[in-house]
Amino acid sequence: MLATLVCLIFWQIGLIYASLNIIQSQAYVFNNVTGLFLVLIGIAMGAMPNKREMTGVLIGLAGCVCMLLDPNAARVNKVSNMLPALIDFGSAFFGALYYLLNFRNV
């Protein structure tokens, strides 16, 4: 149960950090890609998703890359939004772990 709480805290720290440094809509999108990580964790554990599911993951990742590379989507006072977005995206991995651990605990 403690690991579940730690994953939730890391997930939310990524969201708070990103929301202070990048555009709010991007912060929320990058923070809510937990479904993509759930599919990738499933693949690492040996579950093979169907083609439509993998197509959805690839489209989601491509959308995140397009958002990240958009030069017009930066805060006025910030030079780059790459690092906060990557931290936020990485914290979504902890969100996926939170869901898996929470399911296990229930």
Protein backbone atom coordinates (compact mmCIF):
# COMPACT_ATOMS: atom_id res chain seq x y z
CA MET A 1 0.00 0.00 0.00
CA LEU A 2 2.93 2.30 0.67
CA ALA A 3 4.25 1.77 -2.86
CA THR A 4 0.82 2.76 -4.22
CA LEU A 5 0.95 6.02 -2.28
CA VAL A 6 4.52 6.73 -3.42
CA CYS A 7 3.53 6.20 -7.07
CA LEU A 8 0.59 8.57 -6.64
CA ILE A 9 2.85 11.22 -5.10
CA PHE A 10 5.43 10.99 -7.91
CA TRP A 11 2.65 11.12 -10.49
CA GLN A 12 1.20 14.29 -8.97
CA ILE A 13 4.62 15.94 -8.47
CA GLY A 14 5.18 15.61 -12.22
CA LEU A 15 1.83 17.27 -12.91
CA ILE A 16 2.48 20.13 -10.49
CA TYR A 17 5.97 20.75 -11.86
CA ALA A 18 4.76 20.71 -15.44
CA SER A 19 1.75 22.90 -14.77
CA LEU A 20 4.08 25.55 -13.33
CA ASN A 21 6.40 25.45 -16.35
CA ILE A 22 4.41 24.60 -19.49
CA ILE A 23 0.98 25.30 -20.94
CA GLN A 24 -1.77 23.76 -18.80
CA SER A 25 -3.36 21.74 -21.60
CA GLN A 26 -0.04 20.12 -22.46
CA ALA A 27 0.67 19.39 -18.80
CA TYR A 28 -2.62 17.53 -18.45
CA VAL A 29 -2.24 15.61 -21.70
CA PHE A 30 1.30 14.48 -20.87
CA ASN A 31 0.24 13.54 -17.35
CA ASN A 32 -2.70 11.46 -18.53
CA VAL A 33 -0.91 9.10 -20.90
CA THR A 34 -1.05 6.39 -18.28
CA GLY A 35 -3.03 4.21 -20.66
CA LEU A 36 -0.10 4.16 -23.06
CA PHE A 37 2.19 3.05 -20.27
CA LEU A 38 -0.30 0.39 -19.16
CA VAL A 39 -0.15 -1.15 -22.63
CA LEU A 40 3.67 -0.96 -22.68
CA ILE A 41 3.91 -2.50 -19.20
CA GLY A 42 1.58 -5.25 -20.38
CA ILE A 43 3.88 -5.93 -23.32
CA ALA A 44 6.87 -6.08 -20.96
CA MET A 45 4.96 -8.63 -18.86
CA GLY A 46 4.24 -10.80 -21.88
CA ALA A 47 0.72 -9.77 -22.91
CA MET A 48 0.39 -9.09 -26.61
CA PRO A 49 -2.07 -6.32 -27.50
CA ASN A 50 -4.03 -6.46 -30.72
CA LYS A 51 -3.15 -4.33 -33.73
CA ARG A 52 -5.76 -1.67 -33.01
CA GLU A 53 -4.49 -1.20 -29.49
CA MET A 54 -0.90 -0.80 -30.72
CA THR A 55 -2.10 1.61 -33.41
CA GLY A 56 -3.74 3.70 -30.70
CA VAL A 57 -0.54 3.71 -28.65
CA LEU A 58 1.50 4.83 -31.65
CA ILE A 59 -0.99 7.57 -32.54
CA GLY A 60 -0.97 8.76 -28.92
CA LEU A 61 2.83 8.85 -28.82
CA ALA A 62 2.96 10.67 -32.16
CA GLY A 63 0.49 13.25 -30.85
CA CYS A 64 2.64 13.82 -27.76
CA VAL A 65 5.74 14.27 -29.92
CA CYS A 66 3.91 16.77 -32.14
CA MET A 67 2.79 18.73 -29.09
CA LEU A 68 6.29 18.68 -27.66
CA LEU A 69 7.90 19.94 -30.87
CA ASP A 70 5.41 22.78 -31.47
CA PRO A 71 7.48 25.99 -31.26
CA ASN A 72 4.42 28.20 -30.65
CA ALA A 73 3.26 26.25 -27.60
CA ALA A 74 5.51 27.74 -24.94
CA ARG A 75 4.84 30.06 -22.08
CA VAL A 76 5.84 33.65 -22.66
CA ASN A 77 8.47 33.68 -19.94
CA LYS A 78 9.89 30.23 -20.67
CA VAL A 79 12.49 29.40 -23.30
CA SER A 80 11.93 25.65 -23.58
CA ASN A 81 9.16 23.35 -22.51
CA MET A 82 11.07 20.14 -23.28
CA LEU A 83 12.33 19.23 -19.80
CA PRO A 84 9.10 19.89 -17.85
CA ALA A 85 7.10 18.00 -20.48
CA LEU A 86 9.44 15.01 -20.34
CA ILE A 87 9.32 15.00 -16.54
CA ASP A 88 5.53 15.11 -16.72
CA PHE A 89 5.44 12.36 -19.35
CA GLY A 90 7.76 10.24 -17.22
CA SER A 91 5.65 10.81 -14.13
CA ALA A 92 2.72 9.27 -16.00
CA PHE A 93 4.62 5.98 -15.73
CA PHE A 94 4.13 6.23 -11.98
CA GLY A 95 0.45 6.85 -12.68
CA ALA A 96 0.30 3.57 -14.56
CA LEU A 97 2.05 1.82 -11.68
CA TYR A 98 -0.41 3.45 -9.29
CA TYR A 99 -3.34 1.96 -11.21
CA LEU A 100 -1.74 -1.47 -11.33
CA LEU A 101 -0.85 -1.45 -7.63
CA ASN A 102 -4.26 -0.10 -6.70
CA PHE A 103 -5.91 -2.92 -8.66
CA ARG A 104 -3.64 -5.40 -6.89
CA ASN A 105 -4.47 -3.94 -3.47
CA VAL A 106 -8.23 -4.05 -4.04
